[in-house]
Amino acid sequence: MDPDAFPDYGRLAAAVKKRRLALRLSLAGAARQGTMSPITWTRVESGLNVRELTYAGIDHALRWELGSSVRVLEGGDPTPLPPGEAAPDTPAEDSPMRYPDDPILQYLWDLPDPDLSDSEREALVQLYLALRRTTDNNRLNAANPGQGQTFRNAM
């Protein structure tokens, strides 16, 4: 990045969000493809500064030519890769959101660890659901003491 240029983080934020939505990528899915956390991706889309190495991940996830994010920061335009020339390791399409009505489950599914298999992601989701059921049952039992039968046993 040109040290004398004043980076326009708001401009990059708008360009990144527009491109992510055009590619139909979830925020967590884009972050995973860019090998960063969803929190870092959110910082970019919020117009906040991130480490310079992050921009290469953004270019990768958005199928932009390497250096495009920095060009946008400096006032230029990104260069999309040609349709048949997706960035290495980038699927042609992001998978649709698996849990669109539950952001916690979607986050667990979209964890940015590329080494997690689908079965491991599903195990995380199931573990969380079991924990949530136990917590809900404990709350119900605490709210209704002395009924003799726990809600968990009734289920």
Protein backbone atom coordinates (compact mmCIF):
# COMPACT_ATOMS: atom_id res chain seq x y z
CA MET A 1 0.00 0.00 0.00
CA ASP A 2 1.27 3.46 -0.83
CA PRO A 3 2.43 4.94 2.52
CA ASP A 4 1.49 8.46 1.38
CA ALA A 5 -2.07 7.52 0.35
CA PHE A 6 -4.89 7.97 2.85
CA PRO A 7 -6.78 4.65 2.79
CA ASP A 8 -10.53 4.93 2.16
CA TYR A 9 -11.84 2.17 4.43
CA GLY A 10 -15.46 3.19 3.83
CA ARG A 11 -15.01 2.77 0.08
CA LEU A 12 -13.50 -0.68 0.58
CA ALA A 13 -16.30 -1.63 2.98
CA ALA A 14 -18.95 -0.76 0.39
CA ALA A 15 -17.11 -2.58 -2.43
CA VAL A 16 -16.52 -5.72 -0.34
CA LYS A 17 -20.12 -5.96 0.82
CA LYS A 18 -21.49 -5.32 -2.69
CA ARG A 19 -19.25 -8.02 -4.20
CA ARG A 20 -19.97 -10.53 -1.39
CA LEU A 21 -23.70 -10.12 -1.87
CA ALA A 22 -23.36 -10.34 -5.67
CA LEU A 23 -21.55 -13.66 -5.20
CA ARG A 24 -24.26 -14.77 -2.76
CA LEU A 25 -21.72 -15.44 -0.02
CA SER A 26 -22.70 -15.37 3.63
CA LEU A 27 -20.46 -13.23 5.76
CA ALA A 28 -19.13 -16.29 7.61
CA GLY A 29 -18.69 -18.20 4.36
CA ALA A 30 -16.71 -15.35 2.82
CA ALA A 31 -14.58 -15.13 5.95
CA ARG A 32 -13.91 -18.87 5.81
CA GLN A 33 -12.86 -18.64 2.15
CA GLY A 34 -10.62 -15.70 3.00
CA THR A 35 -9.12 -17.66 5.93
CA MET A 36 -10.08 -15.09 8.54
CA SER A 37 -12.57 -14.88 11.34
CA PRO A 38 -16.08 -13.51 10.74
CA ILE A 39 -15.15 -10.75 13.20
CA THR A 40 -12.29 -9.63 10.94
CA TRP A 41 -14.57 -9.71 7.88
CA THR A 42 -17.13 -7.65 9.79
CA ARG A 43 -14.42 -5.10 10.60
CA VAL A 44 -13.68 -4.75 6.88
CA GLU A 45 -17.38 -4.33 5.99
CA SER A 46 -17.68 -1.79 8.82
CA GLY A 47 -14.92 0.37 7.35
CA LEU A 48 -12.36 -0.39 10.05
CA ASN A 49 -8.64 -0.93 9.62
CA VAL A 50 -7.29 -4.50 9.55
CA ARG A 51 -3.84 -5.98 9.11
CA GLU A 52 -2.51 -5.61 5.57
CA LEU A 53 -2.24 -9.40 5.10
CA THR A 54 -6.03 -9.60 5.45
CA TYR A 55 -6.52 -7.93 2.08
CA ALA A 56 -5.12 -10.91 0.18
CA GLY A 57 -7.74 -13.11 1.87
CA ILE A 58 -10.48 -10.71 0.85
CA ASP A 59 -9.25 -10.77 -2.75
CA HIS A 60 -9.25 -14.57 -2.68
CA ALA A 61 -12.76 -14.89 -1.21
CA LEU A 62 -14.27 -12.32 -3.57
CA ARG A 63 -12.48 -13.76 -6.63
CA TRP A 64 -10.64 -10.52 -7.22
CA GLU A 65 -7.17 -10.25 -8.69
CA LEU A 66 -4.56 -10.11 -5.93
CA GLY A 67 -4.04 -6.48 -4.90
CA SER A 68 -7.59 -5.38 -5.72
CA SER A 69 -8.56 -4.57 -2.13
CA VAL A 70 -5.52 -2.33 -1.74
CA ARG A 71 -6.35 -0.60 -5.05
CA VAL A 72 -9.86 0.12 -3.73
CA LEU A 73 -8.37 1.57 -0.52
CA GLU A 74 -6.23 3.85 -2.70
CA GLY A 75 -9.18 5.01 -4.82
CA GLY A 76 -8.99 2.51 -7.69
CA ASP A 77 -11.26 -0.31 -8.73
CA PRO A 78 -11.04 -4.03 -8.03
CA THR A 79 -10.30 -6.43 -10.88
CA PRO A 80 -12.57 -9.49 -10.81
CA LEU A 81 -11.04 -12.75 -11.98
CA PRO A 82 -12.54 -14.07 -15.23
CA PRO A 83 -15.48 -16.47 -14.59
CA GLY A 84 -13.53 -19.62 -15.45
CA GLU A 85 -10.55 -18.51 -13.41
CA ALA A 86 -11.71 -18.80 -9.81
CA ALA A 87 -9.06 -18.30 -7.17
CA PRO A 88 -7.33 -21.52 -6.12
CA ASP A 89 -9.20 -23.49 -3.44
CA THR A 90 -12.30 -21.37 -4.00
CA PRO A 91 -15.45 -23.25 -4.94
CA ALA A 92 -17.43 -21.96 -7.92
CA GLU A 93 -20.31 -21.16 -5.57
CA ASP A 94 -20.59 -20.75 -1.83
CA SER A 95 -22.94 -23.28 -0.33
CA PRO A 96 -26.28 -21.79 0.67
CA MET A 97 -26.78 -20.94 4.30
CA ARG A 98 -27.47 -24.20 6.12
CA TYR A 99 -29.18 -22.57 9.14
CA PRO A 100 -30.59 -19.25 7.87
CA ASP A 101 -32.92 -18.84 10.86
CA ASP A 102 -30.31 -19.44 13.56
CA PRO A 103 -27.17 -17.29 13.39
CA ILE A 104 -25.43 -19.28 16.14
CA LEU A 105 -25.87 -22.57 14.28
CA GLN A 106 -24.81 -20.91 11.03
CA TYR A 107 -21.71 -19.52 12.73
CA LEU A 108 -20.80 -22.97 14.07
CA TRP A 109 -21.25 -24.44 10.59
CA ASP A 110 -19.20 -21.68 8.95
CA LEU A 111 -16.28 -21.74 11.39
CA PRO A 112 -13.27 -20.50 9.47
CA ASP A 113 -11.19 -23.64 10.13
CA PRO A 114 -10.63 -25.14 6.66
CA ASP A 115 -9.56 -28.46 8.22
CA LEU A 116 -13.02 -29.17 9.66
CA SER A 117 -14.98 -31.73 7.68
CA ASP A 118 -18.74 -31.48 7.20
CA SER A 119 -19.23 -34.31 9.71
CA GLU A 120 -17.14 -32.43 12.30
CA ARG A 121 -19.13 -29.26 11.66
CA GLU A 122 -22.37 -31.23 12.08
CA ALA A 123 -21.02 -32.70 15.35
CA LEU A 124 -20.39 -29.17 16.65
CA VAL A 125 -23.94 -28.16 15.74
CA GLN A 126 -25.41 -31.26 17.43
CA LEU A 127 -23.31 -30.71 20.56
CA TYR A 128 -24.51 -27.12 20.76
CA LEU A 129 -28.15 -28.20 20.27
CA ALA A 130 -27.83 -30.79 23.06
CA LEU A 131 -26.34 -28.16 25.36
CA ARG A 132 -29.13 -25.72 24.48
CA ARG A 133 -31.81 -28.38 25.19
CA THR A 134 -30.23 -29.16 28.56
CA THR A 135 -30.07 -25.47 29.46
CA ASP A 136 -33.70 -24.95 28.38
CA ASN A 137 -34.82 -27.97 30.44
CA ASN A 138 -32.94 -26.71 33.49
CA ARG A 139 -34.62 -23.32 33.17
CA LEU A 140 -38.06 -24.92 32.86
CA ASN A 141 -37.43 -27.16 35.86
CA ALA A 142 -36.20 -24.20 37.92
CA ALA A 143 -39.28 -22.17 36.96
CA ASN A 144 -41.63 -25.04 37.93
CA PRO A 145 -40.19 -26.61 41.10
CA GLY A 146 -41.91 -29.48 42.86
CA GLN A 147 -43.85 -30.88 39.91
CA GLY A 148 -42.38 -34.31 40.52
CA GLN A 149 -41.43 -34.95 36.91
CA THR A 150 -38.77 -33.01 35.07
CA PHE A 151 -39.49 -31.59 31.67
CA ARG A 152 -36.49 -33.50 30.37
CA ASN A 153 -38.03 -36.78 31.53
CA ALA A 154 -41.35 -35.83 29.99
CA MET A 155 -39.78 -35.30 26.57
